[in-house]
Amino acid sequence: MKAAVYDKAGPPGVLKYVELPDPAVKSDGVLISVEAISIEGGDLINRRLNTPPHPLWTLGFAAAGVIQAVGSCIENRKIGDRVAAFDMHGSHAELWAVPATRTWLIPDGVATRDAAVSTIAFGTANHCLFARAGVQRGETVLIQAAAGGLGVAAVQLAALAGAHVLAVASGAARCRKLQALGAYHAIDRATCDVVGEVMRITGNRGVDVALDPIGTTLHASIAALAPEGRLVFVGNAGGGAMDVDLWAPMQSNQALFGVFMGTLFEKPTVWSMVDRMFKALAAKRIQAVIDRTFPLSQAAFAHEYAEREKPFGRVVLRP
């Protein structure tokens, strides 16, 4: 099979498109013929910062395709099923062997590439907003990096739940797209101070909930919170130090929740929640947002595009 691999951490150019042996399916797993690969924020961070455990390491958290083989212990999946999958590595390839418990059946009416970009984005957004922050109808929610894959999912889910969404992005065009997805107000960080604009919009009260996938904006997210507000920080897309002074949040009785989804997707409650997200996609209650699609052979260029061009939504690879 063909795959995008790397031997050492670094810029997109460390990725190589090579021929590898086909992976073997385990007794508790399935082998997926991959049709669409989602480039996740974690993929970019891993490639840039984390030395792989061995040479020719296949990158990637998320993809979707058709099951080609099933393990001897699997009864709830069959050859020919369309599935989306999550695992800690291996998605950047023509074939992907994963545990069956890390797959979701794709409903009729949902495109394979839409499923590929939705597993992590909508699964993470839903968990952050509702399982951790407990967002309620009528509350005000600030979403940092709202034009990214997680952001566009969070904007839709929070708006669908009846929250007033303040979405932060760069550029007027992105802001207009976020309002079309349900944002009550889109804040252009390129032209205004985010915290100052939040306070203007909320009458100096602040927001009930802030969702921050960047890390380097944690100070601003905390400053934008109302007393007793809740901050959920997930990932570190900014790549900087995630150090904050906790004195002010303590004095304001604010709550800070950290989320790392890599350890959560196999939990029954989280697995079933992602399954519900796919049903919502099929019912057109939410929509996957894809900025651009590249062939897998151009994985290095696609990673560079995802890092430098500020895509709206996810970037997809096709084997």
Protein backbone atom coordinates (compact mmCIF):
# COMPACT_ATOMS: atom_id res chain seq x y z
CA MET A 1 0.00 0.00 0.00
CA LYS A 2 0.98 3.65 -0.38
CA ALA A 3 1.31 5.80 2.76
CA ALA A 4 2.58 9.17 3.96
CA VAL A 5 5.28 8.52 6.56
CA TYR A 6 8.02 10.36 8.43
CA ASP A 7 11.24 9.41 10.22
CA LYS A 8 11.84 12.53 12.29
CA ALA A 9 9.81 15.46 13.56
CA GLY A 10 9.88 18.64 11.54
CA PRO A 11 8.18 20.77 8.88
CA PRO A 12 5.81 19.31 6.28
CA GLY A 13 8.75 18.35 4.08
CA VAL A 14 9.65 15.48 6.43
CA LEU A 15 6.65 13.56 5.04
CA LYS A 16 7.46 10.95 2.38
CA TYR A 17 5.08 9.09 0.09
CA VAL A 18 6.25 5.47 0.06
CA GLU A 19 5.21 1.87 -0.49
CA LEU A 20 4.65 -0.15 2.70
CA PRO A 21 3.48 -3.72 3.37
CA ASP A 22 -0.28 -4.04 3.76
CA PRO A 23 -1.24 -4.05 7.46
CA ALA A 24 -2.61 -7.24 8.99
CA VAL A 25 -6.04 -7.22 10.58
CA LYS A 26 -6.11 -8.31 14.25
CA SER A 27 -8.74 -10.59 15.75
CA ASP A 28 -10.52 -7.60 17.37
CA GLY A 29 -10.08 -5.25 14.43
CA VAL A 30 -11.02 -4.36 10.90
CA LEU A 31 -9.04 -3.44 7.80
CA ILE A 32 -10.31 -0.31 6.06
CA SER A 33 -9.77 0.57 2.42
CA VAL A 34 -9.36 4.29 3.01
CA GLU A 35 -11.27 6.73 0.81
CA ALA A 36 -10.86 10.00 2.74
CA ILE A 37 -8.37 11.17 5.38
CA SER A 38 -8.93 14.15 7.66
CA ILE A 39 -5.83 16.20 8.49
CA GLU A 40 -6.36 16.93 12.18
CA GLY A 41 -4.66 19.59 14.26
CA GLY A 42 -3.03 16.84 16.28
CA ASP A 43 -1.52 15.39 13.09
CA LEU A 44 0.23 18.69 12.43
CA ILE A 45 1.50 18.94 16.00
CA ASN A 46 2.75 15.34 16.07
CA ARG A 47 4.57 15.70 12.77
CA ARG A 48 6.12 18.99 13.83
CA LEU A 49 7.14 18.16 17.41
CA ASN A 50 7.04 14.43 18.23
CA THR A 51 9.76 12.03 17.16
CA PRO A 52 8.08 8.89 15.79
CA PRO A 53 8.72 5.59 17.64
CA HIS A 54 10.35 4.05 14.57
CA PRO A 55 11.24 5.01 10.97
CA LEU A 56 8.57 5.08 8.26
CA TRP A 57 5.92 5.96 10.84
CA THR A 58 2.47 6.43 9.32
CA LEU A 59 0.85 9.58 10.61
CA GLY A 60 -2.81 10.29 11.22
CA PHE A 61 -5.79 10.10 13.59
CA ALA A 62 -8.89 10.02 11.40
CA ALA A 63 -10.14 8.57 8.11
CA ALA A 64 -13.13 6.85 6.55
CA GLY A 65 -13.64 4.16 3.95
CA VAL A 66 -14.93 0.65 3.32
CA ILE A 67 -14.13 -2.43 5.40
CA GLN A 68 -12.02 -4.88 3.42
CA ALA A 69 -11.45 -7.52 6.13
CA VAL A 70 -12.70 -8.25 9.65
CA GLY A 71 -11.03 -9.99 12.58
CA SER A 72 -12.13 -13.39 13.83
CA CYS A 73 -13.75 -11.94 16.97
CA ILE A 74 -15.84 -9.26 15.25
CA GLU A 75 -19.58 -9.77 14.80
CA ASN A 76 -20.91 -6.21 14.45
CA ARG A 77 -18.90 -5.23 11.37
CA LYS A 78 -18.74 -6.88 7.95
CA ILE A 79 -16.88 -6.55 4.68
CA GLY A 80 -18.39 -3.75 2.63
CA ASP A 81 -19.50 -1.59 5.58
CA ARG A 82 -18.71 2.10 5.25
CA VAL A 83 -17.05 3.29 8.44
CA ALA A 84 -15.26 6.26 9.93
CA ALA A 85 -12.41 5.52 12.31
CA PHE A 86 -10.16 7.03 14.94
CA ASP A 87 -6.80 5.75 16.15
CA MET A 88 -3.57 7.25 17.42
CA HIS A 89 -1.72 6.80 14.12
CA GLY A 90 -1.96 5.24 10.67
CA SER A 91 -4.72 7.10 8.83
CA HIS A 92 -2.43 8.60 6.15
CA ALA A 93 -2.47 5.43 4.05
CA GLU A 94 -4.44 3.44 1.49
CA LEU A 95 -5.21 0.75 4.08
CA TRP A 96 -5.74 1.15 7.82
CA ALA A 97 -6.05 -1.61 10.43
CA VAL A 98 -7.87 -0.38 13.54
CA PRO A 99 -9.77 -1.88 16.49
CA ALA A 100 -13.43 -2.31 15.61
CA THR A 101 -14.37 -0.38 18.76
CA ARG A 102 -12.81 2.70 17.17
CA THR A 103 -15.09 2.66 14.15
CA TRP A 104 -18.53 4.10 13.45
CA LEU A 105 -20.93 3.02 10.72
CA ILE A 106 -21.56 5.84 8.25
CA PRO A 107 -25.31 6.39 7.74
CA ASP A 108 -26.84 6.52 4.28
CA GLY A 109 -26.84 10.06 2.98
CA VAL A 110 -23.51 10.98 4.60
CA ALA A 111 -20.57 11.29 2.22
CA THR A 112 -17.46 9.34 3.18
CA ARG A 113 -15.29 12.44 3.23
CA ASP A 114 -17.81 14.26 5.45
CA ALA A 115 -17.68 11.36 7.90
CA ALA A 116 -13.88 11.40 7.89
CA VAL A 117 -13.71 15.04 9.05
CA SER A 118 -16.57 14.76 11.55
CA THR A 119 -15.48 12.04 13.98
CA ILE A 120 -12.94 14.10 15.90
CA ALA A 121 -14.34 17.57 15.18
CA PHE A 122 -17.94 16.99 16.24
CA GLY A 123 -17.04 14.37 18.85
CA THR A 124 -14.60 16.72 20.55
CA ALA A 125 -16.84 19.78 20.24
CA ASN A 126 -19.82 17.97 21.73
CA HIS A 127 -17.78 16.58 24.63
CA CYS A 128 -16.22 19.95 25.42
CA LEU A 129 -19.42 21.96 25.22
CA PHE A 130 -21.85 19.63 26.96
CA ALA A 131 -20.10 16.86 28.91
CA ARG A 132 -17.48 19.24 30.34
CA ALA A 133 -18.85 22.80 30.19
CA GLY A 134 -22.55 21.90 30.46
CA VAL A 135 -23.67 24.58 28.01
CA GLN A 136 -27.31 25.57 28.49
CA ARG A 137 -29.82 27.29 26.24
CA GLY A 138 -29.48 31.07 26.45
CA GLU A 139 -25.88 31.05 27.66
CA THR A 140 -23.15 32.97 25.84
CA VAL A 141 -20.31 30.85 24.44
CA LEU A 142 -16.98 32.14 23.11
CA ILE A 143 -15.23 29.89 20.59
CA GLN A 144 -11.59 30.61 19.80
CA ALA A 145 -10.19 29.52 16.41
CA ALA A 146 -13.77 29.16 15.23
CA ALA A 147 -12.82 28.75 11.56
CA GLY A 148 -10.88 25.52 12.23
CA GLY A 149 -12.33 22.02 12.10
CA LEU A 150 -13.19 21.91 15.81
CA GLY A 151 -14.38 25.51 15.74
CA VAL A 152 -16.91 25.15 12.94
CA ALA A 153 -18.30 22.06 14.66
CA ALA A 154 -18.55 23.85 18.01
CA VAL A 155 -20.27 26.88 16.47
CA GLN A 156 -22.96 24.66 14.96
CA LEU A 157 -23.54 22.54 18.07
CA ALA A 158 -23.65 25.48 20.47
CA ALA A 159 -26.05 27.40 18.21
CA LEU A 160 -28.22 24.30 17.79
CA ALA A 161 -28.44 24.06 21.59
CA GLY A 162 -29.75 27.61 21.78
CA ALA A 163 -26.57 29.33 22.98
CA HIS A 164 -25.47 32.78 21.85
CA VAL A 165 -22.21 32.05 20.03
CA LEU A 166 -19.36 34.53 19.80
CA ALA A 167 -16.99 33.09 17.21
CA VAL A 168 -13.41 34.34 16.87
CA ALA A 169 -11.66 34.16 13.50
CA SER A 170 -9.36 36.19 11.27
CA GLY A 171 -10.79 38.02 8.27
CA ALA A 172 -14.20 39.31 7.26
CA ALA A 173 -14.89 36.42 4.87
CA ARG A 174 -14.39 33.83 7.61
CA CYS A 175 -16.55 35.81 9.98
CA ARG A 176 -19.40 35.89 7.46
CA LYS A 177 -19.17 32.10 7.00
CA LEU A 178 -19.30 31.57 10.76
CA GLN A 179 -22.43 33.69 11.04
CA ALA A 180 -23.99 31.57 8.29
CA LEU A 181 -23.24 28.50 10.46
CA GLY A 182 -25.08 30.01 13.43
CA ALA A 183 -22.71 32.39 15.21
CA TYR A 184 -24.60 35.21 16.94
CA HIS A 185 -21.57 37.45 16.50
CA ALA A 186 -18.26 36.85 14.71
CA ILE A 187 -15.22 38.67 16.09
CA ASP A 188 -12.45 39.46 13.62
CA ARG A 189 -9.27 39.16 15.68
CA ALA A 190 -7.33 40.80 12.84
CA THR A 191 -9.10 44.12 13.34
CA CYS A 192 -10.13 44.29 16.99
CA ASP A 193 -9.18 43.27 20.52
CA VAL A 194 -11.05 40.04 21.26
CA VAL A 195 -11.55 40.58 24.99
CA GLY A 196 -12.59 44.19 24.49
CA GLU A 197 -15.11 43.17 21.83
CA VAL A 198 -16.51 40.40 24.05
CA MET A 199 -17.03 42.88 26.85
CA ARG A 200 -18.70 45.36 24.50
CA ILE A 201 -21.09 42.70 23.19
CA THR A 202 -21.92 41.32 26.64
CA GLY A 203 -22.22 44.67 28.42
CA ASN A 204 -18.98 44.04 30.36
CA ARG A 205 -20.34 40.81 31.83
CA GLY A 206 -18.24 38.32 29.89
CA VAL A 207 -19.19 34.90 28.52
CA ASP A 208 -20.57 31.91 30.39
CA VAL A 209 -18.34 29.43 28.51
CA ALA A 210 -15.14 29.73 26.49
CA LEU A 211 -13.77 26.95 24.29
CA ASP A 212 -10.06 27.30 23.51
CA PRO A 213 -8.16 24.87 21.23
CA ILE A 214 -5.21 27.22 20.71
CA GLY A 215 -3.43 27.34 24.08
CA THR A 216 -1.61 30.61 23.51
CA THR A 217 -4.94 32.45 23.84
CA LEU A 218 -5.78 31.05 27.28
CA HIS A 219 -5.10 34.40 28.95
CA ALA A 220 -7.62 36.10 26.68
CA SER A 221 -10.17 33.31 27.10
CA ILE A 222 -10.00 33.60 30.89
CA ALA A 223 -10.20 37.39 30.72
CA ALA A 224 -13.36 37.07 28.61
CA LEU A 225 -15.15 34.85 31.14
CA ALA A 226 -17.97 36.08 33.34
CA PRO A 227 -17.76 35.42 37.09
CA GLU A 228 -18.39 31.67 37.66
CA GLY A 229 -17.82 31.09 33.95
CA ARG A 230 -16.30 27.88 32.55
CA LEU A 231 -13.29 27.48 30.28
CA VAL A 232 -12.59 24.30 28.33
CA PHE A 233 -9.10 24.06 26.85
CA VAL A 234 -8.44 21.30 24.35
CA GLY A 235 -5.27 20.77 22.33
CA ASN A 236 -2.50 23.26 21.75
CA ALA A 237 -2.80 24.39 18.16
CA GLY A 238 -0.78 27.51 18.92
CA GLY A 239 2.22 25.39 19.90
CA GLY A 240 3.27 27.71 22.74
CA ALA A 241 3.50 27.46 26.50
CA MET A 242 0.15 26.87 28.21
CA ASP A 243 0.94 28.78 31.38
CA VAL A 244 -1.70 30.93 33.06
CA ASP A 245 -2.03 32.78 36.34
CA LEU A 246 -4.81 31.00 38.24
CA TRP A 247 -5.28 33.72 40.85
CA ALA A 248 -7.88 35.69 38.85
CA PRO A 249 -9.99 32.63 37.90
CA MET A 250 -9.99 31.53 41.54
CA GLN A 251 -11.13 34.93 42.73
CA SER A 252 -13.91 34.89 40.13
CA ASN A 253 -14.98 31.32 41.02
CA GLN A 254 -14.36 30.21 37.46
CA ALA A 255 -13.87 26.59 36.40
CA LEU A 256 -11.19 25.34 34.00
CA PHE A 257 -11.59 21.97 32.26
CA GLY A 258 -8.87 20.26 30.27
CA VAL A 259 -9.83 17.79 27.53
CA PHE A 260 -7.67 15.23 25.71
CA MET A 261 -9.90 13.13 23.46
CA GLY A 262 -7.29 10.51 22.56
CA THR A 263 -8.13 8.51 25.68
CA LEU A 264 -11.90 8.98 25.49
CA PHE A 265 -13.19 7.76 22.12
CA GLU A 266 -13.60 4.13 23.21
CA LYS A 267 -15.68 5.05 26.27
CA PRO A 268 -19.26 3.85 25.65
CA THR A 269 -20.76 7.28 26.36
CA VAL A 270 -18.37 9.04 23.99
CA TRP A 271 -18.66 6.34 21.30
CA SER A 272 -22.45 6.60 21.34
CA MET A 273 -22.25 10.40 21.29
CA VAL A 274 -20.16 10.29 18.09
CA ASP A 275 -22.72 7.89 16.64
CA ARG A 276 -25.41 10.49 17.37
CA MET A 277 -23.31 13.12 15.61
CA PHE A 278 -23.34 10.96 12.46
CA LYS A 279 -27.12 10.66 12.69
CA ALA A 280 -27.33 14.46 12.97
CA LEU A 281 -25.20 14.73 9.83
CA ALA A 282 -27.55 12.37 8.01
CA ALA A 283 -30.53 14.46 9.14
CA LYS A 284 -28.81 17.67 7.87
CA ARG A 285 -28.97 19.24 11.33
CA ILE A 286 -25.22 19.85 11.17
CA GLN A 287 -22.79 19.97 8.27
CA ALA A 288 -19.19 18.96 7.68
CA VAL A 289 -17.01 21.80 6.43
CA ILE A 290 -14.14 20.94 4.08
CA ASP A 291 -11.82 23.61 2.76
CA ARG A 292 -9.81 21.66 0.18
CA THR A 293 -8.92 18.12 -0.91
CA PHE A 294 -5.48 16.85 -1.97
CA PRO A 295 -4.22 13.47 -3.17
CA LEU A 296 -2.36 11.47 -0.53
CA SER A 297 0.73 11.68 -2.72
CA GLN A 298 0.76 15.43 -1.94
CA ALA A 299 0.51 14.97 1.84
CA ALA A 300 3.49 17.24 2.52
CA PHE A 301 1.95 20.07 0.47
CA ALA A 302 -1.44 19.48 2.11
CA HIS A 303 0.11 19.75 5.59
CA GLU A 304 1.84 22.98 4.57
CA TYR A 305 -1.47 24.32 3.27
CA ALA A 306 -3.25 23.35 6.51
CA GLU A 307 -0.63 25.14 8.59
CA ARG A 308 -0.08 28.31 6.57
CA GLU A 309 -3.21 29.10 4.60
CA LYS A 310 -5.75 29.25 7.44
CA PRO A 311 -8.28 26.86 5.89
CA PHE A 312 -11.94 27.18 6.80
CA GLY A 313 -12.82 23.76 8.21
CA ARG A 314 -10.76 20.64 7.52
CA VAL A 315 -8.30 19.67 4.79
CA VAL A 316 -8.82 16.20 3.28
CA LEU A 317 -6.46 13.71 1.66
CA ARG A 318 -7.63 11.11 -0.85
CA PRO A 319 -5.57 7.95 -1.52
